[in-house]
N, C-alpha and C. Protein backbone atom coordinates (compact mmCIF):
# COMPACT_ATOMS: atom_id res chain seq x y z
N MET A 1 10.08 2.42 11.05
CA MET A 1 10.91 1.20 10.83
C MET A 1 10.89 0.52 9.56
N ILE A 2 11.91 -0.10 9.28
CA ILE A 2 12.20 -0.73 7.99
C ILE A 2 12.68 -2.42 8.31
N SER A 3 12.33 -3.26 7.79
CA SER A 3 12.90 -4.64 7.95
C SER A 3 13.02 -5.17 6.74
N LEU A 4 14.30 -5.67 6.23
CA LEU A 4 14.43 -6.22 5.00
C LEU A 4 14.65 -7.72 5.28
N HIS A 5 14.00 -8.36 6.04
CA HIS A 5 14.15 -9.78 6.28
C HIS A 5 13.01 -10.08 7.20
N THR A 6 12.11 -10.80 6.45
CA THR A 6 10.77 -11.29 7.01
C THR A 6 10.05 -12.50 6.16
N HIS A 7 9.16 -13.12 6.84
CA HIS A 7 8.80 -14.37 6.38
C HIS A 7 7.22 -14.36 6.40
N THR A 8 6.58 -15.20 5.52
CA THR A 8 5.10 -15.59 5.53
C THR A 8 4.96 -16.66 5.20
N ILE A 9 3.68 -17.48 4.83
CA ILE A 9 3.43 -18.63 4.59
C ILE A 9 3.84 -19.55 3.45
N PHE A 10 4.75 -18.65 2.74
CA PHE A 10 5.34 -19.25 1.53
C PHE A 10 6.57 -19.96 2.16
N SER A 11 6.98 -19.76 3.49
CA SER A 11 7.83 -20.71 4.06
C SER A 11 7.50 -20.81 5.46
N ASP A 12 8.05 -20.55 6.45
CA ASP A 12 7.71 -20.97 7.69
C ASP A 12 6.92 -19.91 8.68
N GLY A 13 6.59 -18.69 7.87
CA GLY A 13 5.98 -17.67 8.48
C GLY A 13 4.42 -18.07 8.69
N GLU A 14 3.71 -17.21 9.55
CA GLU A 14 2.32 -17.50 10.06
C GLU A 14 1.30 -16.45 9.01
N LEU A 15 1.82 -15.37 8.27
CA LEU A 15 0.79 -14.66 7.76
C LEU A 15 1.07 -14.90 6.01
N LEU A 16 0.04 -14.35 5.46
CA LEU A 16 -0.15 -14.19 3.98
C LEU A 16 0.72 -13.06 3.89
N PRO A 17 1.22 -12.73 2.53
CA PRO A 17 2.10 -11.90 2.30
C PRO A 17 1.33 -10.12 2.53
N SER A 18 0.07 -10.34 2.28
CA SER A 18 -0.77 -9.13 2.18
C SER A 18 -1.00 -8.89 3.81
N GLU A 19 -1.23 -9.80 4.67
CA GLU A 19 -1.40 -9.77 6.12
C GLU A 19 -0.26 -9.09 6.84
N LEU A 20 1.01 -9.62 6.59
CA LEU A 20 2.11 -9.18 6.95
C LEU A 20 2.33 -7.97 6.69
N ALA A 21 2.26 -7.41 5.33
CA ALA A 21 2.34 -6.11 4.90
C ALA A 21 1.52 -5.16 5.53
N ARG A 22 0.07 -5.62 5.73
CA ARG A 22 -0.95 -4.66 6.44
C ARG A 22 -0.42 -4.38 8.06
N ARG A 23 0.14 -5.51 8.71
CA ARG A 23 0.41 -5.44 9.92
C ARG A 23 1.72 -4.46 10.05
N CYS A 24 2.58 -4.52 9.36
CA CYS A 24 3.76 -3.65 9.46
C CYS A 24 3.31 -1.99 9.25
N GLU A 25 2.33 -1.86 8.19
CA GLU A 25 1.93 -0.54 7.91
C GLU A 25 1.24 -0.01 9.13
N ALA A 26 0.27 -0.91 9.85
CA ALA A 26 -0.38 -0.28 11.11
C ALA A 26 0.82 -0.20 12.07
N ASN A 27 1.95 -0.65 12.07
CA ASN A 27 2.95 -0.64 13.29
C ASN A 27 3.94 0.43 12.62
N GLY A 28 3.67 1.10 11.65
CA GLY A 28 4.39 2.33 11.33
C GLY A 28 5.65 2.11 10.58
N TYR A 29 5.56 0.79 10.03
CA TYR A 29 6.86 0.65 8.77
C TYR A 29 6.76 1.59 7.84
N ARG A 30 7.79 1.78 7.34
CA ARG A 30 7.88 2.23 5.82
C ARG A 30 8.16 1.67 4.77
N CYS A 31 8.85 0.44 5.21
CA CYS A 31 9.42 -0.49 4.02
C CYS A 31 9.58 -1.97 4.70
N LEU A 32 9.34 -2.75 3.92
CA LEU A 32 9.58 -4.08 4.40
C LEU A 32 10.09 -5.01 3.09
N ALA A 33 11.03 -6.15 3.10
CA ALA A 33 11.33 -6.99 2.28
C ALA A 33 10.75 -8.21 2.93
N ILE A 34 9.84 -8.94 1.90
CA ILE A 34 9.44 -10.42 2.22
C ILE A 34 10.35 -11.16 1.68
N THR A 35 11.22 -12.13 2.62
CA THR A 35 12.23 -12.85 2.11
C THR A 35 12.22 -14.34 2.57
N ASP A 36 11.43 -15.14 2.08
CA ASP A 36 11.18 -16.59 2.60
C ASP A 36 12.03 -17.43 2.28
N HIS A 37 12.10 -18.30 2.91
CA HIS A 37 13.25 -19.58 3.03
C HIS A 37 13.11 -20.17 1.61
N CYS A 38 14.34 -20.16 0.93
CA CYS A 38 14.22 -21.31 -0.41
C CYS A 38 15.50 -21.97 -0.66
N ASP A 39 15.29 -22.89 -1.38
CA ASP A 39 16.38 -23.69 -1.83
C ASP A 39 16.08 -23.68 -3.56
N SER A 40 16.77 -24.64 -4.15
CA SER A 40 16.57 -24.92 -5.37
C SER A 40 15.08 -25.57 -5.76
N SER A 41 14.47 -25.98 -4.70
CA SER A 41 12.83 -26.38 -5.00
C SER A 41 12.00 -25.58 -4.94
N ASN A 42 11.97 -24.42 -4.56
CA ASN A 42 10.91 -23.38 -4.52
C ASN A 42 11.30 -22.20 -4.74
N VAL A 43 12.47 -21.69 -5.10
CA VAL A 43 12.99 -20.44 -5.47
C VAL A 43 12.05 -19.55 -6.30
N GLU A 44 11.67 -20.18 -7.43
CA GLU A 44 10.84 -19.43 -8.52
C GLU A 44 9.38 -19.20 -7.86
N GLU A 45 8.84 -20.38 -7.31
CA GLU A 45 7.56 -20.19 -6.71
C GLU A 45 7.35 -19.08 -5.82
N ILE A 46 8.52 -18.95 -4.90
CA ILE A 46 8.31 -17.73 -4.04
C ILE A 46 8.53 -16.24 -4.60
N VAL A 47 9.54 -16.24 -5.47
CA VAL A 47 9.74 -15.03 -6.07
C VAL A 47 8.36 -14.48 -6.65
N THR A 48 7.80 -15.57 -7.41
CA THR A 48 6.68 -15.36 -8.56
C THR A 48 5.55 -15.09 -7.58
N GLY A 49 5.14 -15.92 -6.38
CA GLY A 49 4.02 -15.95 -5.84
C GLY A 49 3.99 -14.52 -4.76
N VAL A 50 4.88 -14.34 -4.24
CA VAL A 50 5.21 -12.91 -3.45
C VAL A 50 5.19 -11.99 -4.33
N SER A 51 5.91 -11.99 -5.29
CA SER A 51 5.46 -10.77 -6.01
C SER A 51 4.19 -10.07 -6.51
N LYS A 52 3.38 -11.31 -6.83
CA LYS A 52 2.04 -10.72 -6.88
C LYS A 52 1.38 -10.06 -6.22
N ALA A 53 1.66 -10.53 -4.75
CA ALA A 53 0.94 -9.50 -3.49
C ALA A 53 1.53 -8.51 -3.12
N VAL A 54 2.73 -8.24 -3.48
CA VAL A 54 3.45 -7.08 -3.31
C VAL A 54 3.10 -6.31 -4.43
N ASN A 55 3.07 -6.61 -5.79
CA ASN A 55 2.53 -5.36 -6.62
C ASN A 55 1.20 -5.07 -6.28
N ASP A 56 0.28 -5.86 -5.70
CA ASP A 56 -0.96 -5.42 -5.35
C ASP A 56 -0.95 -4.29 -4.24
N PHE A 57 0.00 -4.77 -3.14
CA PHE A 57 0.08 -3.92 -1.87
C PHE A 57 0.73 -2.43 -2.41
N ASN A 58 1.74 -2.60 -3.42
CA ASN A 58 2.40 -1.20 -3.54
C ASN A 58 1.43 -0.36 -4.54
N ARG A 59 0.51 -0.68 -5.03
CA ARG A 59 -0.30 0.09 -5.57
C ARG A 59 -1.31 0.88 -4.79
N THR A 60 -1.59 0.37 -3.63
CA THR A 60 -2.60 0.94 -2.94
C THR A 60 -1.94 1.50 -1.28
N SER A 61 -0.85 1.42 -1.09
CA SER A 61 -0.44 1.59 0.18
C SER A 61 0.97 2.47 0.11
N LYS A 62 1.11 3.30 1.06
CA LYS A 62 2.22 4.02 1.35
C LYS A 62 3.49 3.41 1.65
N LEU A 63 3.12 2.23 2.29
CA LEU A 63 4.04 1.42 2.79
C LEU A 63 4.75 0.56 1.49
N LYS A 64 6.23 0.51 1.47
CA LYS A 64 6.79 -0.21 0.22
C LYS A 64 7.18 -1.35 0.32
N VAL A 65 6.97 -2.39 -0.28
CA VAL A 65 7.17 -3.72 -0.01
C VAL A 65 8.37 -4.23 -1.16
N LEU A 66 9.17 -5.11 -1.10
CA LEU A 66 9.90 -5.92 -1.86
C LEU A 66 9.78 -7.28 -1.96
N ALA A 67 9.73 -8.01 -2.96
CA ALA A 67 9.96 -9.39 -3.06
C ALA A 67 11.52 -10.04 -3.08
N GLY A 68 11.68 -10.76 -2.06
CA GLY A 68 13.09 -11.36 -2.04
C GLY A 68 12.97 -12.79 -1.66
N VAL A 69 14.19 -13.40 -1.36
CA VAL A 69 14.19 -14.57 -0.72
C VAL A 69 15.42 -14.82 0.61
N GLU A 70 15.22 -15.60 1.25
CA GLU A 70 16.32 -15.87 2.06
C GLU A 70 16.87 -17.50 1.75
N ILE A 71 18.15 -17.59 1.01
CA ILE A 71 18.64 -18.70 0.78
C ILE A 71 19.05 -19.54 2.08
N THR A 72 18.47 -20.76 2.33
CA THR A 72 18.80 -21.28 3.67
C THR A 72 18.98 -22.72 3.65
N HIS A 73 20.12 -23.11 4.31
CA HIS A 73 20.38 -24.44 4.60
C HIS A 73 20.90 -25.30 3.54
N VAL A 74 21.62 -24.53 2.35
CA VAL A 74 21.89 -25.23 1.21
C VAL A 74 23.42 -25.43 1.22
N ASP A 75 23.98 -26.32 0.43
CA ASP A 75 25.33 -26.48 0.47
C ASP A 75 26.11 -24.87 0.16
N PRO A 76 27.18 -24.70 0.70
CA PRO A 76 27.82 -23.44 0.18
C PRO A 76 28.25 -23.43 -1.18
N SER A 77 28.47 -24.42 -1.77
CA SER A 77 28.93 -24.55 -3.13
C SER A 77 27.99 -24.29 -4.13
N ILE A 78 26.47 -24.25 -3.75
CA ILE A 78 25.40 -23.79 -4.77
C ILE A 78 24.94 -22.48 -4.35
N ILE A 79 25.42 -21.67 -3.20
CA ILE A 79 24.77 -20.48 -3.14
C ILE A 79 25.02 -19.41 -4.35
N GLY A 80 26.08 -19.33 -4.72
CA GLY A 80 26.23 -18.59 -5.78
C GLY A 80 25.36 -18.38 -7.08
N GLU A 81 24.99 -20.04 -7.44
CA GLU A 81 24.22 -20.46 -8.48
C GLU A 81 22.70 -19.70 -7.99
N LEU A 82 22.22 -20.45 -6.79
CA LEU A 82 21.00 -19.91 -6.44
C LEU A 82 20.41 -18.47 -6.24
N THR A 83 22.00 -17.62 -5.96
CA THR A 83 21.59 -16.12 -5.87
C THR A 83 21.20 -15.60 -7.29
N ARG A 84 21.99 -16.31 -8.31
CA ARG A 84 21.95 -15.54 -9.60
C ARG A 84 20.49 -16.05 -10.14
N LYS A 85 19.88 -17.27 -9.92
CA LYS A 85 18.53 -17.67 -10.21
C LYS A 85 17.50 -16.60 -9.42
N ALA A 86 17.70 -16.31 -8.10
CA ALA A 86 17.00 -15.72 -7.57
C ALA A 86 16.65 -14.41 -8.21
N ARG A 87 17.73 -13.84 -8.48
CA ARG A 87 17.76 -12.42 -9.31
C ARG A 87 17.03 -12.66 -10.39
N GLN A 88 17.31 -13.65 -11.15
CA GLN A 88 16.66 -13.83 -12.76
C GLN A 88 15.38 -13.89 -12.53
N PHE A 89 14.78 -14.52 -11.44
CA PHE A 89 13.31 -14.51 -11.40
C PHE A 89 12.69 -13.59 -10.62
N GLY A 90 13.45 -12.46 -10.33
CA GLY A 90 12.87 -11.17 -10.07
C GLY A 90 13.04 -10.75 -8.47
N ALA A 91 13.74 -11.58 -7.77
CA ALA A 91 13.89 -11.39 -6.41
C ALA A 91 14.66 -9.82 -6.13
N LYS A 92 14.34 -8.71 -5.42
CA LYS A 92 14.84 -7.64 -5.18
C LYS A 92 16.07 -7.63 -4.20
N ILE A 93 15.55 -8.46 -3.12
CA ILE A 93 16.60 -8.57 -1.95
C ILE A 93 16.94 -9.99 -2.07
N VAL A 94 18.22 -10.22 -1.89
CA VAL A 94 18.71 -11.54 -1.58
C VAL A 94 19.50 -11.82 -0.24
N VAL A 95 18.92 -12.64 0.71
CA VAL A 95 19.51 -12.87 1.98
C VAL A 95 20.05 -14.24 1.84
N VAL A 96 21.04 -14.46 2.64
CA VAL A 96 21.55 -15.76 3.12
C VAL A 96 21.55 -16.29 4.45
N HIS A 97 20.71 -17.12 4.71
CA HIS A 97 20.68 -17.62 6.14
C HIS A 97 22.48 -18.00 6.63
N GLY A 98 22.68 -17.10 7.42
CA GLY A 98 24.09 -17.25 7.89
C GLY A 98 24.30 -18.21 8.96
N GLU A 99 25.55 -18.50 9.29
CA GLU A 99 25.95 -19.44 10.34
C GLU A 99 25.44 -19.48 11.81
N THR A 100 24.49 -18.92 12.03
CA THR A 100 23.69 -18.66 13.51
C THR A 100 24.22 -19.94 14.35
N ILE A 101 24.45 -19.57 15.47
CA ILE A 101 24.98 -20.45 16.60
C ILE A 101 23.95 -21.39 16.98
N VAL A 102 22.81 -21.09 16.66
CA VAL A 102 21.38 -21.84 17.13
C VAL A 102 20.73 -22.94 16.10
N GLU A 103 21.44 -22.97 15.01
CA GLU A 103 21.07 -23.93 13.85
C GLU A 103 22.28 -24.57 13.29
N PRO A 104 22.11 -25.84 12.78
CA PRO A 104 23.10 -26.44 12.15
C PRO A 104 23.49 -25.92 10.80
N VAL A 105 23.84 -24.83 10.43
CA VAL A 105 24.25 -24.33 9.17
C VAL A 105 25.65 -24.79 8.82
N LYS A 106 25.63 -25.05 7.67
CA LYS A 106 27.12 -25.71 7.26
C LYS A 106 28.18 -24.60 7.07
N LYS A 107 29.36 -25.13 7.62
CA LYS A 107 30.57 -24.19 7.69
C LYS A 107 31.01 -23.81 6.50
N GLY A 108 31.31 -22.60 6.00
CA GLY A 108 31.55 -21.92 4.58
C GLY A 108 30.34 -21.11 4.08
N THR A 109 29.40 -21.09 4.70
CA THR A 109 28.07 -20.54 4.37
C THR A 109 28.10 -18.98 4.25
N ASN A 110 28.66 -18.55 5.29
CA ASN A 110 28.87 -17.03 5.30
C ASN A 110 30.07 -16.52 4.29
N LEU A 111 30.92 -17.38 4.05
CA LEU A 111 32.01 -16.94 3.03
C LEU A 111 31.57 -17.02 1.75
N ALA A 112 30.60 -18.11 1.47
CA ALA A 112 30.06 -18.37 0.12
C ALA A 112 29.11 -17.08 -0.39
N ALA A 113 28.27 -16.77 0.80
CA ALA A 113 27.30 -15.58 0.58
C ALA A 113 27.99 -14.46 0.11
N ILE A 114 28.89 -14.13 0.84
CA ILE A 114 29.64 -12.91 0.74
C ILE A 114 30.22 -12.86 -0.67
N GLU A 115 30.98 -13.85 -1.24
CA GLU A 115 31.53 -14.38 -2.39
C GLU A 115 30.54 -13.97 -3.63
N ALA A 116 29.35 -14.65 -3.26
CA ALA A 116 28.19 -14.36 -4.27
C ALA A 116 27.73 -13.00 -4.40
N GLY A 117 28.04 -12.20 -3.24
CA GLY A 117 27.61 -10.65 -3.25
C GLY A 117 26.26 -10.36 -3.31
N VAL A 118 25.38 -11.43 -2.32
CA VAL A 118 23.99 -11.42 -1.49
C VAL A 118 23.90 -9.77 -1.20
N ASP A 119 22.77 -9.37 -0.87
CA ASP A 119 22.40 -8.33 -0.22
C ASP A 119 22.76 -8.13 0.87
N ILE A 120 22.31 -9.16 1.88
CA ILE A 120 22.45 -9.39 3.13
C ILE A 120 22.54 -10.88 3.72
N LEU A 121 23.73 -10.68 4.59
CA LEU A 121 24.16 -11.96 5.27
C LEU A 121 23.28 -11.86 6.76
N ALA A 122 22.32 -12.76 7.01
CA ALA A 122 21.45 -12.79 7.83
C ALA A 122 22.24 -13.33 9.10
N HIS A 123 22.10 -12.71 10.47
CA HIS A 123 22.56 -13.59 11.73
C HIS A 123 23.80 -14.52 11.48
N PRO A 124 25.15 -13.84 11.00
CA PRO A 124 26.29 -14.63 10.73
C PRO A 124 26.71 -15.21 12.12
N GLY A 125 26.44 -15.24 13.15
CA GLY A 125 26.96 -16.03 14.20
C GLY A 125 28.45 -15.36 14.38
N PHE A 126 29.47 -16.47 14.47
CA PHE A 126 30.70 -16.12 14.93
C PHE A 126 31.62 -15.67 13.60
N ILE A 127 30.97 -14.83 12.74
CA ILE A 127 31.61 -14.62 11.54
C ILE A 127 33.28 -14.18 11.83
N SER A 128 33.98 -14.43 10.95
CA SER A 128 35.45 -14.32 11.01
C SER A 128 35.70 -12.85 10.63
N LYS A 129 37.08 -12.30 11.09
CA LYS A 129 37.20 -10.88 10.74
C LYS A 129 37.74 -10.87 9.21
N LYS A 130 38.22 -11.96 8.62
CA LYS A 130 38.50 -12.04 7.39
C LYS A 130 37.43 -11.89 6.43
N GLU A 131 36.22 -12.49 7.05
CA GLU A 131 35.13 -12.76 6.47
C GLU A 131 34.11 -11.17 6.29
N VAL A 132 34.46 -10.46 7.35
CA VAL A 132 33.79 -9.41 7.60
C VAL A 132 34.57 -8.32 6.75
N GLU A 133 35.84 -8.57 6.65
CA GLU A 133 36.50 -7.36 5.72
C GLU A 133 36.25 -7.64 4.38
N LEU A 134 35.97 -9.03 3.81
CA LEU A 134 35.56 -9.35 2.59
C LEU A 134 34.07 -8.57 2.36
N ALA A 135 33.08 -8.84 3.34
CA ALA A 135 31.81 -7.99 3.19
C ALA A 135 32.01 -6.79 2.82
N LYS A 136 32.81 -5.96 3.76
CA LYS A 136 33.00 -4.58 3.25
C LYS A 136 33.29 -4.56 1.73
N GLU A 137 34.33 -5.10 1.39
CA GLU A 137 34.66 -5.01 -0.01
C GLU A 137 33.79 -5.41 -1.07
N LYS A 138 32.75 -6.26 -0.76
CA LYS A 138 31.93 -6.53 -1.59
C LYS A 138 30.46 -5.81 -1.57
N GLY A 139 30.45 -5.12 -0.30
CA GLY A 139 29.35 -4.28 -0.06
C GLY A 139 28.22 -5.02 0.45
N VAL A 140 28.46 -6.37 0.86
CA VAL A 140 27.42 -7.07 1.70
C VAL A 140 27.05 -6.72 2.94
N TYR A 141 25.78 -6.38 3.10
CA TYR A 141 25.46 -6.02 4.63
C TYR A 141 25.30 -7.04 5.56
N LEU A 142 25.75 -7.02 6.56
CA LEU A 142 25.90 -7.62 7.85
C LEU A 142 24.89 -7.41 8.82
N GLU A 143 23.88 -8.62 9.26
CA GLU A 143 22.56 -8.20 9.82
C GLU A 143 23.05 -8.57 11.27
N LEU A 144 22.38 -7.22 12.22
CA LEU A 144 22.09 -7.49 13.58
C LEU A 144 20.48 -7.77 13.29
N THR A 145 20.12 -8.59 14.47
CA THR A 145 18.71 -9.30 14.59
C THR A 145 18.17 -8.93 15.59
N THR A 146 16.82 -8.77 15.67
CA THR A 146 15.89 -8.54 16.91
C THR A 146 15.48 -10.02 17.42
N ARG A 147 15.40 -10.94 16.37
CA ARG A 147 15.01 -12.39 16.69
C ARG A 147 15.57 -13.17 17.61
N LYS A 148 14.73 -13.66 18.46
CA LYS A 148 15.39 -14.48 19.87
C LYS A 148 16.27 -15.60 19.24
N GLY A 149 17.42 -15.72 19.84
CA GLY A 149 18.25 -17.10 19.21
C GLY A 149 19.39 -16.50 18.42
N HIS A 150 18.96 -16.18 17.50
CA HIS A 150 19.78 -15.52 16.25
C HIS A 150 20.60 -14.11 16.99
N SER A 151 19.95 -13.65 17.72
CA SER A 151 20.46 -12.19 18.30
C SER A 151 21.65 -12.40 19.44
N LEU A 152 22.02 -13.88 19.56
CA LEU A 152 22.94 -13.98 20.80
C LEU A 152 24.33 -13.68 20.38
N THR A 153 24.51 -13.62 18.95
CA THR A 153 25.88 -13.10 18.66
C THR A 153 25.88 -11.63 18.00
N ASN A 154 24.90 -10.71 18.04
CA ASN A 154 24.98 -9.44 17.65
C ASN A 154 26.06 -8.76 18.02
N GLY A 155 26.46 -8.94 19.28
CA GLY A 155 27.65 -8.08 19.74
C GLY A 155 28.82 -8.46 19.13
N HIS A 156 29.17 -9.86 18.67
CA HIS A 156 30.36 -10.22 17.96
C HIS A 156 30.29 -9.41 16.71
N VAL A 157 29.02 -9.63 15.90
CA VAL A 157 29.13 -9.24 14.85
C VAL A 157 29.27 -7.66 14.28
N ALA A 158 28.56 -7.05 15.34
CA ALA A 158 28.65 -5.63 15.60
C ALA A 158 30.12 -5.26 15.78
N ASN A 159 30.83 -5.57 16.68
CA ASN A 159 32.12 -5.29 17.19
C ASN A 159 33.18 -5.58 15.90
N LEU A 160 33.28 -6.55 15.16
CA LEU A 160 33.74 -6.72 14.18
C LEU A 160 33.53 -5.94 12.95
N ALA A 161 32.21 -5.57 12.79
CA ALA A 161 31.65 -4.72 11.77
C ALA A 161 32.13 -3.45 11.90
N LEU A 162 32.05 -2.88 13.01
CA LEU A 162 32.69 -1.42 13.37
C LEU A 162 34.35 -1.54 13.15
N GLU A 163 34.87 -2.51 13.68
CA GLU A 163 36.33 -2.43 13.48
C GLU A 163 36.84 -2.41 11.95
N CYS A 164 36.03 -3.26 11.23
CA CYS A 164 36.67 -3.10 9.59
C CYS A 164 35.73 -2.16 8.97
N GLY A 165 34.67 -1.61 9.15
CA GLY A 165 33.82 -0.56 8.60
C GLY A 165 33.21 -1.40 7.76
N ALA A 166 32.55 -2.49 7.89
CA ALA A 166 31.66 -3.07 7.17
C ALA A 166 30.20 -2.47 7.20
N PRO A 167 29.43 -2.71 6.16
CA PRO A 167 28.05 -2.01 6.61
C PRO A 167 27.10 -3.07 7.21
N MET A 168 26.33 -2.72 8.17
CA MET A 168 25.30 -3.45 8.83
C MET A 168 23.88 -2.91 8.33
N VAL A 169 23.08 -3.97 8.85
CA VAL A 169 21.38 -3.48 8.82
C VAL A 169 20.98 -3.82 10.18
N LEU A 170 19.87 -3.55 10.74
CA LEU A 170 19.14 -3.98 11.55
C LEU A 170 17.65 -4.64 11.12
N ASN A 171 17.46 -5.85 11.26
CA ASN A 171 16.28 -6.70 10.78
C ASN A 171 15.34 -7.22 11.89
N THR A 172 14.22 -7.47 11.38
CA THR A 172 13.56 -8.21 12.54
C THR A 172 13.46 -9.76 12.23
N ASP A 173 13.43 -10.00 11.19
CA ASP A 173 13.51 -11.70 10.94
C ASP A 173 12.10 -12.24 11.11
N ALA A 174 11.04 -11.65 11.01
CA ALA A 174 9.85 -11.91 11.39
C ALA A 174 9.18 -12.83 10.89
N HIS A 175 8.77 -13.85 11.71
CA HIS A 175 7.78 -14.98 11.32
C HIS A 175 6.28 -14.91 11.96
N THR A 176 6.29 -14.14 13.08
CA THR A 176 4.96 -13.92 13.48
C THR A 176 4.55 -12.60 13.92
N PRO A 177 3.29 -12.24 14.01
CA PRO A 177 2.98 -10.71 14.54
C PRO A 177 3.99 -10.36 15.63
N ALA A 178 3.88 -11.25 16.66
CA ALA A 178 4.96 -10.67 17.73
C ALA A 178 6.29 -10.21 17.48
N ASP A 179 6.71 -10.75 16.37
CA ASP A 179 8.26 -10.54 15.87
C ASP A 179 8.24 -8.91 15.34
N LEU A 180 7.22 -8.49 15.03
CA LEU A 180 7.39 -7.06 14.31
C LEU A 180 7.55 -6.29 15.33
N VAL A 181 8.64 -5.97 15.66
CA VAL A 181 9.04 -4.93 16.89
C VAL A 181 8.92 -3.47 16.25
N LYS A 182 8.97 -2.57 16.98
CA LYS A 182 8.80 -1.14 16.32
C LYS A 182 10.37 -0.62 16.86
N ARG A 183 10.35 0.51 16.42
CA ARG A 183 11.46 1.04 15.98
C ARG A 183 12.52 1.49 17.42
N ASP A 184 11.81 1.75 18.31
CA ASP A 184 12.44 1.90 19.74
C ASP A 184 12.97 0.82 20.15
N PHE A 185 12.29 -0.11 20.12
CA PHE A 185 12.85 -1.61 20.61
C PHE A 185 13.90 -2.24 19.55
N ALA A 186 14.02 -1.82 18.39
CA ALA A 186 15.08 -2.30 17.41
C ALA A 186 16.44 -1.51 17.95
N LEU A 187 16.09 -0.12 18.22
CA LEU A 187 17.27 0.66 18.37
C LEU A 187 17.84 -0.01 19.80
N LYS A 188 17.03 -0.29 20.61
CA LYS A 188 17.56 -0.85 22.11
C LYS A 188 18.20 -2.06 22.05
N VAL A 189 17.80 -2.90 20.81
CA VAL A 189 18.56 -4.19 20.49
C VAL A 189 19.85 -3.89 20.09
N ALA A 190 19.96 -3.20 19.16
CA ALA A 190 21.32 -2.52 18.59
C ALA A 190 22.28 -2.18 19.40
N MET A 191 21.68 -0.99 20.34
CA MET A 191 22.67 -0.54 21.42
C MET A 191 22.99 -1.57 22.55
N GLY A 192 22.00 -2.58 22.73
CA GLY A 192 22.46 -4.05 23.47
C GLY A 192 23.75 -4.53 22.86
N ALA A 193 23.93 -4.42 21.52
CA ALA A 193 25.19 -5.14 21.16
C ALA A 193 26.26 -4.33 21.28
N GLY A 194 26.24 -3.28 21.66
CA GLY A 194 27.49 -2.23 21.73
C GLY A 194 27.42 -0.94 21.17
N LEU A 195 26.53 -0.90 20.16
CA LEU A 195 26.33 0.62 19.55
C LEU A 195 25.72 1.68 20.27
N THR A 196 26.36 2.65 19.87
CA THR A 196 25.59 4.08 20.37
C THR A 196 24.50 4.40 19.70
N LEU A 197 23.59 5.19 20.12
CA LEU A 197 22.21 5.42 19.43
C LEU A 197 22.39 6.01 18.29
N SER A 198 23.39 6.98 17.85
CA SER A 198 23.60 7.17 16.49
C SER A 198 24.06 6.23 15.66
N GLN A 199 24.82 5.28 16.17
CA GLN A 199 25.33 4.25 15.34
C GLN A 199 24.25 3.14 14.91
N ALA A 200 23.20 2.96 16.01
CA ALA A 200 22.11 2.05 15.79
C ALA A 200 21.45 2.88 14.69
N GLU A 201 20.73 4.23 14.77
CA GLU A 201 20.09 4.81 13.70
C GLU A 201 20.59 4.65 12.56
N ARG A 202 21.88 4.60 12.18
CA ARG A 202 22.76 4.43 10.94
C ARG A 202 22.37 3.08 10.44
N LEU A 203 22.05 1.86 11.18
CA LEU A 203 21.78 0.73 10.61
C LEU A 203 20.34 0.96 9.90
N LEU A 204 19.48 1.60 10.43
CA LEU A 204 18.04 1.84 9.86
C LEU A 204 18.30 2.69 8.67
N ASP A 205 18.97 3.86 8.72
CA ASP A 205 19.49 4.58 7.47
C ASP A 205 19.94 3.61 6.33
N ASN A 206 20.78 2.47 6.58
CA ASN A 206 21.52 1.75 5.78
C ASN A 206 20.31 0.84 5.15
N SER A 207 19.39 0.36 5.96
CA SER A 207 18.31 -0.37 5.36
C SER A 207 17.49 0.61 4.29
N GLU A 208 17.25 1.48 4.72
CA GLU A 208 16.47 2.72 3.72
C GLU A 208 17.28 2.89 2.58
N LYS A 209 18.56 2.98 2.67
CA LYS A 209 19.55 3.31 1.38
C LYS A 209 19.46 1.83 0.45
N LEU A 210 19.42 0.65 0.98
CA LEU A 210 19.40 -0.50 0.60
C LEU A 210 18.09 -0.81 -0.25
N ALA A 211 16.94 -0.22 0.47
CA ALA A 211 15.65 -0.43 0.10
C ALA A 211 15.36 0.41 -1.39
N LYS A 212 15.83 1.66 -1.14
CA LYS A 212 15.75 2.62 -2.12
C LYS A 212 16.65 2.46 -3.39
N SER A 213 17.54 1.55 -3.27
CA SER A 213 18.26 1.12 -4.37
C SER A 213 17.61 0.01 -5.13
N LYS A 214 16.88 -0.47 -4.52
CA LYS A 214 15.98 -1.94 -5.08
C LYS A 214 14.77 -1.47 -6.00
N PHE A 215 14.13 -0.12 -5.71
CA PHE A 215 12.87 0.18 -6.35
C PHE A 215 12.94 0.85 -7.69
């Protein structure tokens, strides 16, 4: 199992980075990205702080961990700037908190994230076909998620991504130990969104491909 979207006490998660990584390791994960919520106030602090724990863990474990961020609830006009800053500070994976239907994310966030060329657009809600086509062009991965609430639009995202040939990944968006689902359950979530088993497995292959490109 791989998850490139998780959270720690550096934002609204329950665990230290080392605790999260150890629990993932114990659950058979092979790679994860720690992507705590950020805006202009804390982007440098998150990347710098998490990177220290990630470096320690990567020296002592077979599980490989990437330090990243999830740009969250910022005005679409500054997503591009924050993406550049996050990468300059050393973020290996940049996620944007997409227009989920269960939170008041500003309209235009999905488009701004895609235009900025982020790595993953998380739980993008009722993303438009035009935006999905642009995601394909830009190589931005669209997320299917196992997280409650955000997963309600997985079927819509999967349907458009398949139609347009846009890349997808499957993530946990883990905030608590209970969110760290295992591979079999993650595949069932993807299949519940209308994918075949082979298509669902391809999402995890995409995650591995993306992760390997960042090490």
